Amino acid sequence: MSHEYFKHGDAIDYANGGTALAAGEVVVANSKPLGITHRPIAANETAGICRKQGAIFNCDKASATTFAVGDDVNFVTATKLATSAVVGAGIIPLGRCVEAAGNGLTKVKVTINFN
């Protein structure tokens, strides 16, 4: 069996077969984050998405949701918001909080877990 190097995995091509995606959206596949869009991606367009392990993203959250450094950050697929709610139906693991995000803030800095 031979294994050939194909390409670095920091970004991959994503064929968007669904609705249009905005820049910075989490792309979900098989209940896991596949990547984050760099730019808007139209329906039926193929474009690169970021998969850099350890990259930090500013993710939207509800203003009342709070995170401390090191907290697990999950993602509600219906609302597209980061949450501290437990993983379950419609809520997938996203990554870890790297900067405290208190009440009143609408963003949380997250290092995404693409595993």
N, C-alpha and C. Protein backbone atom coordinates (compact mmCIF):
# COMPACT_ATOMS: atom_id res chain seq x y z
N MET A 1 0.85 -1.17 0.00
CA MET A 1 0.00 0.00 0.00
C MET A 1 0.89 1.23 0.00
N SER A 2 0.57 2.20 -0.84
CA SER A 2 1.35 3.43 -0.88
C SER A 2 0.49 4.60 -0.40
N HIS A 3 1.15 5.55 0.23
CA HIS A 3 0.47 6.76 0.71
C HIS A 3 1.18 7.96 0.12
N GLU A 4 0.45 8.75 -0.63
CA GLU A 4 1.00 9.94 -1.24
C GLU A 4 0.54 11.17 -0.48
N TYR A 5 1.46 12.12 -0.31
CA TYR A 5 1.07 13.40 0.25
C TYR A 5 0.15 14.09 -0.74
N PHE A 6 -0.99 14.55 -0.27
CA PHE A 6 -1.96 15.21 -1.15
C PHE A 6 -1.87 16.72 -1.04
N LYS A 7 -2.07 17.26 0.16
CA LYS A 7 -1.92 18.69 0.40
C LYS A 7 -2.02 18.95 1.89
N HIS A 8 -1.55 20.11 2.31
CA HIS A 8 -1.63 20.51 3.71
C HIS A 8 -3.10 20.68 4.07
N GLY A 9 -3.48 20.31 5.28
CA GLY A 9 -4.89 20.30 5.66
C GLY A 9 -5.41 21.55 6.32
N ASP A 10 -4.67 22.67 6.27
CA ASP A 10 -5.15 23.90 6.90
C ASP A 10 -6.40 24.45 6.23
N ALA A 11 -6.57 24.16 4.97
CA ALA A 11 -7.76 24.56 4.23
C ALA A 11 -8.11 23.43 3.27
N ILE A 12 -9.40 23.23 3.09
CA ILE A 12 -9.85 22.21 2.14
C ILE A 12 -10.91 22.81 1.24
N ASP A 13 -11.11 22.20 0.09
CA ASP A 13 -12.19 22.61 -0.79
C ASP A 13 -13.50 22.05 -0.25
N TYR A 14 -14.52 22.87 -0.24
CA TYR A 14 -15.84 22.47 0.24
C TYR A 14 -16.86 22.74 -0.86
N ALA A 15 -17.56 21.69 -1.29
CA ALA A 15 -18.61 21.82 -2.30
C ALA A 15 -19.92 22.08 -1.57
N ASN A 16 -20.38 23.31 -1.60
CA ASN A 16 -21.59 23.71 -0.89
C ASN A 16 -22.82 23.31 -1.70
N GLY A 17 -23.43 22.22 -1.31
CA GLY A 17 -24.63 21.74 -1.99
C GLY A 17 -25.90 22.28 -1.38
N GLY A 18 -25.77 23.10 -0.32
CA GLY A 18 -26.95 23.63 0.37
C GLY A 18 -27.17 25.09 0.05
N THR A 19 -27.66 25.82 1.04
CA THR A 19 -27.92 27.25 0.86
C THR A 19 -26.63 28.04 0.98
N ALA A 20 -26.67 29.28 0.55
CA ALA A 20 -25.49 30.15 0.61
C ALA A 20 -24.99 30.30 2.04
N LEU A 21 -23.68 30.41 2.19
CA LEU A 21 -23.04 30.57 3.50
C LEU A 21 -22.35 31.92 3.56
N ALA A 22 -22.41 32.56 4.72
CA ALA A 22 -21.72 33.83 4.92
C ALA A 22 -20.27 33.57 5.32
N ALA A 23 -19.44 34.57 5.21
CA ALA A 23 -18.06 34.46 5.69
C ALA A 23 -18.08 34.23 7.20
N GLY A 24 -17.24 33.32 7.68
CA GLY A 24 -17.15 33.05 9.11
C GLY A 24 -18.14 32.03 9.63
N GLU A 25 -18.90 31.37 8.76
CA GLU A 25 -19.86 30.36 9.22
C GLU A 25 -19.18 29.03 9.48
N VAL A 26 -19.67 28.33 10.48
CA VAL A 26 -19.21 26.98 10.79
C VAL A 26 -19.87 26.02 9.81
N VAL A 27 -19.07 25.21 9.12
CA VAL A 27 -19.58 24.19 8.22
C VAL A 27 -19.60 22.88 9.00
N VAL A 28 -20.77 22.25 9.08
CA VAL A 28 -20.95 21.03 9.87
C VAL A 28 -21.13 19.85 8.94
N ALA A 29 -20.44 18.74 9.25
CA ALA A 29 -20.61 17.48 8.52
C ALA A 29 -20.58 16.34 9.53
N ASN A 30 -21.55 15.46 9.46
CA ASN A 30 -21.64 14.32 10.37
C ASN A 30 -21.57 14.75 11.84
N SER A 31 -22.28 15.83 12.16
CA SER A 31 -22.38 16.34 13.54
C SER A 31 -21.05 16.80 14.12
N LYS A 32 -20.14 17.24 13.26
CA LYS A 32 -18.84 17.75 13.71
C LYS A 32 -18.50 18.98 12.87
N PRO A 33 -17.73 19.92 13.45
CA PRO A 33 -17.31 21.06 12.63
C PRO A 33 -16.30 20.61 11.57
N LEU A 34 -16.61 20.87 10.32
CA LEU A 34 -15.71 20.51 9.23
C LEU A 34 -14.73 21.64 8.95
N GLY A 35 -15.19 22.88 9.11
CA GLY A 35 -14.35 24.04 8.86
C GLY A 35 -15.13 25.32 9.04
N ILE A 36 -14.44 26.43 8.78
CA ILE A 36 -15.03 27.77 8.89
C ILE A 36 -14.83 28.45 7.54
N THR A 37 -15.88 29.07 7.03
CA THR A 37 -15.78 29.73 5.73
C THR A 37 -14.88 30.97 5.82
N HIS A 38 -14.05 31.17 4.79
CA HIS A 38 -13.19 32.35 4.70
C HIS A 38 -13.96 33.54 4.14
N ARG A 39 -14.90 33.22 3.27
CA ARG A 39 -15.66 34.24 2.53
C ARG A 39 -17.04 33.67 2.25
N PRO A 40 -17.97 34.50 1.77
CA PRO A 40 -19.27 33.94 1.41
C PRO A 40 -19.12 32.84 0.35
N ILE A 41 -19.93 31.80 0.48
CA ILE A 41 -19.92 30.70 -0.50
C ILE A 41 -21.36 30.52 -0.97
N ALA A 42 -21.58 30.72 -2.25
CA ALA A 42 -22.91 30.58 -2.84
C ALA A 42 -23.34 29.12 -2.85
N ALA A 43 -24.64 28.89 -2.95
CA ALA A 43 -25.15 27.53 -3.11
C ALA A 43 -24.53 26.94 -4.37
N ASN A 44 -24.17 25.69 -4.31
CA ASN A 44 -23.59 24.94 -5.43
C ASN A 44 -22.22 25.46 -5.88
N GLU A 45 -21.53 26.19 -5.01
CA GLU A 45 -20.18 26.68 -5.30
C GLU A 45 -19.18 25.87 -4.48
N THR A 46 -17.99 25.67 -5.02
CA THR A 46 -16.90 25.04 -4.28
C THR A 46 -15.89 26.13 -3.92
N ALA A 47 -15.52 26.16 -2.64
CA ALA A 47 -14.57 27.17 -2.17
C ALA A 47 -13.80 26.60 -0.98
N GLY A 48 -12.69 27.22 -0.65
CA GLY A 48 -11.88 26.77 0.47
C GLY A 48 -12.49 27.16 1.81
N ILE A 49 -12.36 26.26 2.79
CA ILE A 49 -12.74 26.56 4.16
C ILE A 49 -11.55 26.26 5.07
N CYS A 50 -11.45 26.99 6.16
CA CYS A 50 -10.33 26.85 7.09
C CYS A 50 -10.52 25.64 7.99
N ARG A 51 -9.46 24.85 8.12
CA ARG A 51 -9.45 23.71 9.04
C ARG A 51 -8.20 23.72 9.90
N LYS A 52 -7.58 24.87 10.07
CA LYS A 52 -6.32 24.93 10.81
C LYS A 52 -6.55 24.63 12.28
N GLN A 53 -6.00 23.51 12.72
CA GLN A 53 -6.09 23.11 14.13
C GLN A 53 -5.42 24.18 14.97
N GLY A 54 -6.08 24.64 16.00
CA GLY A 54 -5.52 25.65 16.88
C GLY A 54 -5.83 27.07 16.45
N ALA A 55 -6.42 27.25 15.27
CA ALA A 55 -6.81 28.59 14.85
C ALA A 55 -7.88 29.11 15.81
N ILE A 56 -7.88 30.40 16.03
CA ILE A 56 -8.83 31.00 16.96
C ILE A 56 -9.83 31.83 16.17
N PHE A 57 -11.11 31.59 16.44
CA PHE A 57 -12.19 32.30 15.76
C PHE A 57 -13.04 33.03 16.77
N ASN A 58 -13.56 34.18 16.38
CA ASN A 58 -14.51 34.95 17.16
C ASN A 58 -15.89 34.45 16.77
N CYS A 59 -16.53 33.67 17.62
CA CYS A 59 -17.81 33.05 17.30
C CYS A 59 -18.97 33.79 17.97
N ASP A 60 -20.08 33.90 17.28
CA ASP A 60 -21.28 34.54 17.84
C ASP A 60 -21.83 33.71 18.99
N LYS A 61 -22.34 34.42 20.01
CA LYS A 61 -23.00 33.78 21.15
C LYS A 61 -24.15 34.67 21.60
N ALA A 62 -25.07 34.12 22.36
CA ALA A 62 -26.12 34.93 22.98
C ALA A 62 -25.47 35.80 24.04
N SER A 63 -25.92 37.03 24.20
CA SER A 63 -25.27 37.95 25.13
C SER A 63 -25.31 37.47 26.58
N ALA A 64 -26.30 36.67 26.95
CA ALA A 64 -26.40 36.18 28.33
C ALA A 64 -25.54 34.95 28.60
N THR A 65 -25.03 34.31 27.54
CA THR A 65 -24.19 33.13 27.71
C THR A 65 -22.79 33.58 28.11
N THR A 66 -22.21 32.93 29.13
CA THR A 66 -20.88 33.30 29.60
C THR A 66 -19.92 32.12 29.46
N PHE A 67 -18.65 32.45 29.24
CA PHE A 67 -17.60 31.44 29.13
C PHE A 67 -16.37 31.92 29.90
N ALA A 68 -15.72 30.98 30.58
CA ALA A 68 -14.43 31.23 31.20
C ALA A 68 -13.36 30.56 30.33
N VAL A 69 -12.12 31.01 30.47
CA VAL A 69 -11.02 30.41 29.73
C VAL A 69 -10.98 28.91 30.03
N GLY A 70 -10.90 28.10 28.98
CA GLY A 70 -10.83 26.65 29.12
C GLY A 70 -12.18 25.95 29.05
N ASP A 71 -13.27 26.71 29.11
CA ASP A 71 -14.60 26.09 29.02
C ASP A 71 -14.79 25.44 27.65
N ASP A 72 -15.53 24.34 27.63
CA ASP A 72 -15.96 23.77 26.36
C ASP A 72 -16.94 24.74 25.72
N VAL A 73 -16.80 24.91 24.42
CA VAL A 73 -17.74 25.73 23.66
C VAL A 73 -18.40 24.81 22.65
N ASN A 74 -19.73 24.78 22.69
CA ASN A 74 -20.49 23.95 21.77
C ASN A 74 -21.23 24.85 20.79
N PHE A 75 -21.88 24.26 19.81
CA PHE A 75 -22.47 25.01 18.71
C PHE A 75 -23.89 24.51 18.46
N VAL A 76 -24.85 25.45 18.45
CA VAL A 76 -26.24 25.11 18.15
C VAL A 76 -26.43 25.23 16.65
N THR A 77 -26.68 24.11 15.99
CA THR A 77 -26.73 24.13 14.53
C THR A 77 -27.93 24.93 14.00
N ALA A 78 -29.03 25.02 14.74
CA ALA A 78 -30.21 25.75 14.28
C ALA A 78 -30.01 27.27 14.35
N THR A 79 -29.42 27.75 15.44
CA THR A 79 -29.26 29.20 15.64
C THR A 79 -27.89 29.71 15.18
N LYS A 80 -26.96 28.78 15.00
CA LYS A 80 -25.58 29.11 14.62
C LYS A 80 -24.88 29.95 15.69
N LEU A 81 -25.19 29.65 16.96
CA LEU A 81 -24.58 30.36 18.08
C LEU A 81 -23.76 29.40 18.94
N ALA A 82 -22.66 29.93 19.49
CA ALA A 82 -21.89 29.17 20.47
C ALA A 82 -22.72 29.08 21.74
N THR A 83 -22.58 27.96 22.44
CA THR A 83 -23.36 27.73 23.66
C THR A 83 -22.54 26.95 24.67
N SER A 84 -22.93 27.09 25.92
CA SER A 84 -22.33 26.27 26.98
C SER A 84 -23.22 25.07 27.29
N ALA A 85 -24.35 24.95 26.58
CA ALA A 85 -25.26 23.81 26.79
C ALA A 85 -24.56 22.51 26.43
N VAL A 86 -25.00 21.44 27.02
CA VAL A 86 -24.43 20.12 26.83
C VAL A 86 -24.69 19.63 25.40
N VAL A 87 -23.73 18.92 24.83
CA VAL A 87 -23.87 18.33 23.50
C VAL A 87 -25.05 17.37 23.51
N GLY A 88 -25.86 17.47 22.48
CA GLY A 88 -27.05 16.62 22.34
C GLY A 88 -27.68 16.90 21.00
N ALA A 89 -28.96 16.66 20.88
CA ALA A 89 -29.67 16.88 19.62
C ALA A 89 -29.52 18.33 19.18
N GLY A 90 -28.91 18.55 18.02
CA GLY A 90 -28.75 19.89 17.48
C GLY A 90 -27.64 20.72 18.10
N ILE A 91 -26.88 20.13 19.03
CA ILE A 91 -25.76 20.83 19.67
C ILE A 91 -24.52 19.97 19.52
N ILE A 92 -23.50 20.51 18.85
CA ILE A 92 -22.28 19.75 18.58
C ILE A 92 -21.08 20.40 19.28
N PRO A 93 -20.04 19.62 19.57
CA PRO A 93 -18.84 20.21 20.16
C PRO A 93 -18.13 21.11 19.15
N LEU A 94 -17.62 22.26 19.62
CA LEU A 94 -16.94 23.19 18.72
C LEU A 94 -15.48 23.37 19.10
N GLY A 95 -15.19 23.60 20.38
CA GLY A 95 -13.80 23.81 20.78
C GLY A 95 -13.71 24.30 22.21
N ARG A 96 -12.66 25.10 22.50
CA ARG A 96 -12.42 25.62 23.85
C ARG A 96 -12.33 27.14 23.82
N CYS A 97 -12.84 27.75 24.88
CA CYS A 97 -12.78 29.20 25.05
C CYS A 97 -11.34 29.59 25.41
N VAL A 98 -10.80 30.62 24.74
CA VAL A 98 -9.43 31.05 25.00
C VAL A 98 -9.36 32.44 25.64
N GLU A 99 -10.52 33.10 25.76
CA GLU A 99 -10.58 34.41 26.42
C GLU A 99 -11.97 34.54 27.04
N ALA A 100 -12.03 34.88 28.31
CA ALA A 100 -13.32 34.98 29.00
C ALA A 100 -14.29 35.86 28.21
N ALA A 101 -15.54 35.41 28.15
CA ALA A 101 -16.60 36.14 27.45
C ALA A 101 -17.78 36.25 28.41
N GLY A 102 -17.97 37.42 28.97
CA GLY A 102 -18.99 37.62 30.00
C GLY A 102 -20.35 38.00 29.46
N ASN A 103 -21.25 38.23 30.39
CA ASN A 103 -22.61 38.65 30.09
C ASN A 103 -22.57 39.99 29.35
N GLY A 104 -23.37 40.12 28.32
CA GLY A 104 -23.42 41.34 27.53
C GLY A 104 -22.58 41.28 26.27
N LEU A 105 -21.60 40.38 26.22
CA LEU A 105 -20.78 40.23 25.01
C LEU A 105 -21.49 39.30 24.03
N THR A 106 -21.30 39.52 22.75
CA THR A 106 -21.96 38.68 21.74
C THR A 106 -20.98 37.82 20.96
N LYS A 107 -19.72 37.78 21.38
CA LYS A 107 -18.69 36.96 20.71
C LYS A 107 -17.90 36.22 21.77
N VAL A 108 -17.37 35.06 21.39
CA VAL A 108 -16.45 34.30 22.24
C VAL A 108 -15.30 33.82 21.36
N LYS A 109 -14.08 33.96 21.86
CA LYS A 109 -12.90 33.48 21.12
C LYS A 109 -12.73 31.99 21.39
N VAL A 110 -12.69 31.22 20.31
CA VAL A 110 -12.68 29.76 20.42
C VAL A 110 -11.57 29.17 19.57
N THR A 111 -10.80 28.25 20.14
CA THR A 111 -9.90 27.45 19.33
C THR A 111 -10.74 26.22 18.93
N ILE A 112 -10.91 26.04 17.64
CA ILE A 112 -11.81 25.02 17.10
C ILE A 112 -11.14 23.66 17.12
N ASN A 113 -11.90 22.63 17.49
CA ASN A 113 -11.42 21.26 17.47
C ASN A 113 -11.96 20.58 16.22
N PHE A 114 -11.09 20.39 15.24
CA PHE A 114 -11.52 19.76 13.99
C PHE A 114 -11.32 18.25 13.98
N ASN A 115 -11.12 17.63 15.13
CA ASN A 115 -10.92 16.18 15.17
C ASN A 115 -12.21 15.43 15.17
